[in-house]
Amino acid sequence: MEHHTLLRSTELTRNWERWLGPRAPRIFSNTCFINLESSGLELTVAVKGLGIAIVRQTLVKQELEDGQLVTLFENETVHEHYFCMFADPKLRPESLRFFRTWLRNAVME
């Protein structure tokens, strides 16, 4: 990777660090980056062949099927954790359960 351009957005600057782990400082010292304003631009720039991106698989499904993009490493992924928080103390338990079920199903698709 040291001789290739890595794409990163200002929104998700840590994805490469998360994926590379302790290898990051060594690799970064010999790597060229293209920094983009939006994570959506990483996909566009990668399809144009200007670098390697870390993007959500659900966002590149069609590009992978069409052969516009290929997976660099089949079994290595960056995992992120998201938390849903609610500030409204009056949220009814039934509503919360319904939303949680809907969100879980949407994420699993």
C-alpha atoms as a PDB file:
ATOM      1  CA  MET A   1       0.000   0.000   0.000  1.00  0.00           C
ATOM      2  CA  GLU A   2       2.948   2.312   0.497  1.00  0.00           C
ATOM      3  CA  HIS A   3       3.141   2.933  -3.254  1.00  0.00           C
ATOM      4  CA  HIS A   4      -0.557   3.567  -3.851  1.00  0.00           C
ATOM      5  CA  THR A   5      -2.836   6.517  -3.200  1.00  0.00           C
ATOM      6  CA  LEU A   6      -5.269   6.105  -0.310  1.00  0.00           C
ATOM      7  CA  LEU A   7      -8.544   8.004  -0.313  1.00  0.00           C
ATOM      8  CA  ARG A   8      -9.959   9.392   2.893  1.00  0.00           C
ATOM      9  CA  SER A   9     -12.693  11.817   3.781  1.00  0.00           C
ATOM     10  CA  THR A  10     -12.647  14.410   6.507  1.00  0.00           C
ATOM     11  CA  GLU A  11     -15.767  12.703   7.918  1.00  0.00           C
ATOM     12  CA  LEU A  12     -14.103   9.297   8.271  1.00  0.00           C
ATOM     13  CA  THR A  13     -10.405  10.082   8.715  1.00  0.00           C
ATOM     14  CA  ARG A  14      -9.776   7.217  11.114  1.00  0.00           C
ATOM     15  CA  ASN A  15     -10.900   4.331   8.893  1.00  0.00           C
ATOM     16  CA  TRP A  16      -7.391   3.677   7.596  1.00  0.00           C
ATOM     17  CA  GLU A  17      -5.932   3.843  11.117  1.00  0.00           C
ATOM     18  CA  ARG A  18      -8.574   1.389  12.372  1.00  0.00           C
ATOM     19  CA  TRP A  19      -7.934  -1.054   9.559  1.00  0.00           C
ATOM     20  CA  LEU A  20      -4.143  -0.852   9.585  1.00  0.00           C
ATOM     21  CA  GLY A  21      -3.834  -0.822  13.377  1.00  0.00           C
ATOM     22  CA  PRO A  22      -0.222  -0.685  14.576  1.00  0.00           C
ATOM     23  CA  ARG A  23       1.027  -0.790  10.961  1.00  0.00           C
ATOM     24  CA  ALA A  24      -0.470   2.658  10.261  1.00  0.00           C
ATOM     25  CA  PRO A  25       2.509   4.925  11.179  1.00  0.00           C
ATOM     26  CA  ARG A  26       4.946   2.923   9.054  1.00  0.00           C
ATOM     27  CA  ILE A  27       2.614   2.783   6.070  1.00  0.00           C
ATOM     28  CA  PHE A  28       1.506   6.421   6.384  1.00  0.00           C
ATOM     29  CA  SER A  29       5.106   7.634   6.296  1.00  0.00           C
ATOM     30  CA  ASN A  30       5.418   6.363   2.697  1.00  0.00           C
ATOM     31  CA  THR A  31       1.861   6.885   1.458  1.00  0.00           C
ATOM     32  CA  CYS A  32       0.144   9.492  -0.662  1.00  0.00           C
ATOM     33  CA  PHE A  33      -3.367  10.497   0.403  1.00  0.00           C
ATOM     34  CA  ILE A  34      -6.143  12.299  -1.390  1.00  0.00           C
ATOM     35  CA  ASN A  35      -8.242  14.005   1.277  1.00  0.00           C
ATOM     36  CA  LEU A  36     -11.870  14.547   0.340  1.00  0.00           C
ATOM     37  CA  GLU A  37     -14.571  16.693   1.917  1.00  0.00           C
ATOM     38  CA  SER A  38     -17.238  13.995   1.916  1.00  0.00           C
ATOM     39  CA  SER A  39     -17.226  10.242   2.313  1.00  0.00           C
ATOM     40  CA  GLY A  40     -19.491  10.042  -0.738  1.00  0.00           C
ATOM     41  CA  LEU A  41     -16.649  11.380  -2.847  1.00  0.00           C
ATOM     42  CA  GLU A  42     -14.404   8.449  -1.899  1.00  0.00           C
ATOM     43  CA  LEU A  43     -16.585   6.127  -3.964  1.00  0.00           C
ATOM     44  CA  THR A  44     -16.612   8.445  -6.977  1.00  0.00           C
ATOM     45  CA  VAL A  45     -12.851   8.955  -6.893  1.00  0.00           C
ATOM     46  CA  ALA A  46     -12.197   5.219  -6.432  1.00  0.00           C
ATOM     47  CA  VAL A  47     -14.396   4.370  -9.448  1.00  0.00           C
ATOM     48  CA  LYS A  48     -12.331   6.866 -11.470  1.00  0.00           C
ATOM     49  CA  GLY A  49      -9.250   4.830 -10.524  1.00  0.00           C
ATOM     50  CA  LEU A  50      -7.506   7.545  -8.529  1.00  0.00           C
ATOM     51  CA  GLY A  51      -6.945   5.561  -5.333  1.00  0.00           C
ATOM     52  CA  ILE A  52      -7.996   2.957  -2.791  1.00  0.00           C
ATOM     53  CA  ALA A  53     -10.947   3.680  -0.505  1.00  0.00           C
ATOM     54  CA  ILE A  54     -12.520   2.180   2.566  1.00  0.00           C
ATOM     55  CA  VAL A  55     -16.279   2.394   2.053  1.00  0.00           C
ATOM     56  CA  ARG A  56     -19.339   0.599   3.322  1.00  0.00           C
ATOM     57  CA  GLN A  57     -20.035  -2.527   1.302  1.00  0.00           C
ATOM     58  CA  THR A  58     -23.720  -1.665   1.104  1.00  0.00           C
ATOM     59  CA  LEU A  59     -22.826   1.547  -0.730  1.00  0.00           C
ATOM     60  CA  VAL A  60     -20.687  -0.175  -3.380  1.00  0.00           C
ATOM     61  CA  LYS A  61     -22.781  -3.263  -4.063  1.00  0.00           C
ATOM     62  CA  GLN A  62     -23.674  -2.207  -7.611  1.00  0.00           C
ATOM     63  CA  GLU A  63     -20.134  -1.062  -8.444  1.00  0.00           C
ATOM     64  CA  LEU A  64     -18.774  -4.419  -7.291  1.00  0.00           C
ATOM     65  CA  GLU A  65     -21.366  -6.320  -9.330  1.00  0.00           C
ATOM     66  CA  ASP A  66     -20.604  -4.188 -12.410  1.00  0.00           C
ATOM     67  CA  GLY A  67     -16.850  -4.702 -12.026  1.00  0.00           C
ATOM     68  CA  GLN A  68     -16.193  -0.969 -11.563  1.00  0.00           C
ATOM     69  CA  LEU A  69     -14.588  -1.767  -8.209  1.00  0.00           C
ATOM     70  CA  VAL A  70     -12.973  -4.831  -6.708  1.00  0.00           C
ATOM     71  CA  THR A  71     -12.391  -5.767  -3.093  1.00  0.00           C
ATOM     72  CA  LEU A  72      -8.743  -5.369  -2.159  1.00  0.00           C
ATOM     73  CA  PHE A  73      -8.853  -8.011   0.581  1.00  0.00           C
ATOM     74  CA  GLU A  74     -11.870 -10.308   0.604  1.00  0.00           C
ATOM     75  CA  ASN A  75     -11.939 -11.163   4.310  1.00  0.00           C
ATOM     76  CA  GLU A  76     -10.671  -7.981   5.957  1.00  0.00           C
ATOM     77  CA  THR A  77     -13.093  -5.254   6.908  1.00  0.00           C
ATOM     78  CA  VAL A  78     -13.161  -2.166   9.074  1.00  0.00           C
ATOM     79  CA  HIS A  79     -15.841  -2.455  11.730  1.00  0.00           C
ATOM     80  CA  GLU A  80     -17.519   0.586  13.156  1.00  0.00           C
ATOM     81  CA  HIS A  81     -19.872   0.757  16.057  1.00  0.00           C
ATOM     82  CA  TYR A  82     -22.873   3.027  16.129  1.00  0.00           C
ATOM     83  CA  PHE A  83     -25.042   3.908  19.061  1.00  0.00           C
ATOM     84  CA  CYS A  84     -28.612   5.171  18.951  1.00  0.00           C
ATOM     85  CA  MET A  85     -29.448   7.535  21.766  1.00  0.00           C
ATOM     86  CA  PHE A  86     -32.739   9.052  22.743  1.00  0.00           C
ATOM     87  CA  ALA A  87     -33.111  12.233  24.748  1.00  0.00           C
ATOM     88  CA  ASP A  88     -36.889  12.206  25.046  1.00  0.00           C
ATOM     89  CA  PRO A  89     -37.761  10.695  28.441  1.00  0.00           C
ATOM     90  CA  LYS A  90     -41.389  10.347  27.328  1.00  0.00           C
ATOM     91  CA  LEU A  91     -40.609   7.911  24.522  1.00  0.00           C
ATOM     92  CA  ARG A  92     -43.071   5.073  24.927  1.00  0.00           C
ATOM     93  CA  PRO A  93     -41.542   1.600  25.234  1.00  0.00           C
ATOM     94  CA  GLU A  94     -43.721   0.265  22.367  1.00  0.00           C
ATOM     95  CA  SER A  95     -42.437   2.992  20.072  1.00  0.00           C
ATOM     96  CA  LEU A  96     -38.857   2.281  21.027  1.00  0.00           C
ATOM     97  CA  ARG A  97     -39.262  -1.449  20.410  1.00  0.00           C
ATOM     98  CA  PHE A  98     -40.883  -0.802  17.028  1.00  0.00           C
ATOM     99  CA  PHE A  99     -38.107   1.578  15.976  1.00  0.00           C
ATOM    100  CA  ARG A 100     -35.362  -0.713  17.235  1.00  0.00           C
ATOM    101  CA  THR A 101     -36.814  -3.664  15.301  1.00  0.00           C
ATOM    102  CA  TRP A 102     -37.158  -1.577  12.144  1.00  0.00           C
ATOM    103  CA  LEU A 103     -33.601  -0.247  12.439  1.00  0.00           C
ATOM    104  CA  ARG A 104     -32.117  -3.684  13.113  1.00  0.00           C
ATOM    105  CA  ASN A 105     -33.905  -5.108  10.057  1.00  0.00           C
ATOM    106  CA  ALA A 106     -32.794  -2.201   7.872  1.00  0.00           C
ATOM    107  CA  VAL A 107     -29.162  -2.589   8.907  1.00  0.00           C
ATOM    108  CA  MET A 108     -29.185  -6.357   8.332  1.00  0.00           C
ATOM    109  CA  GLU A 109     -30.351  -6.020   4.694  1.00  0.00           C
END
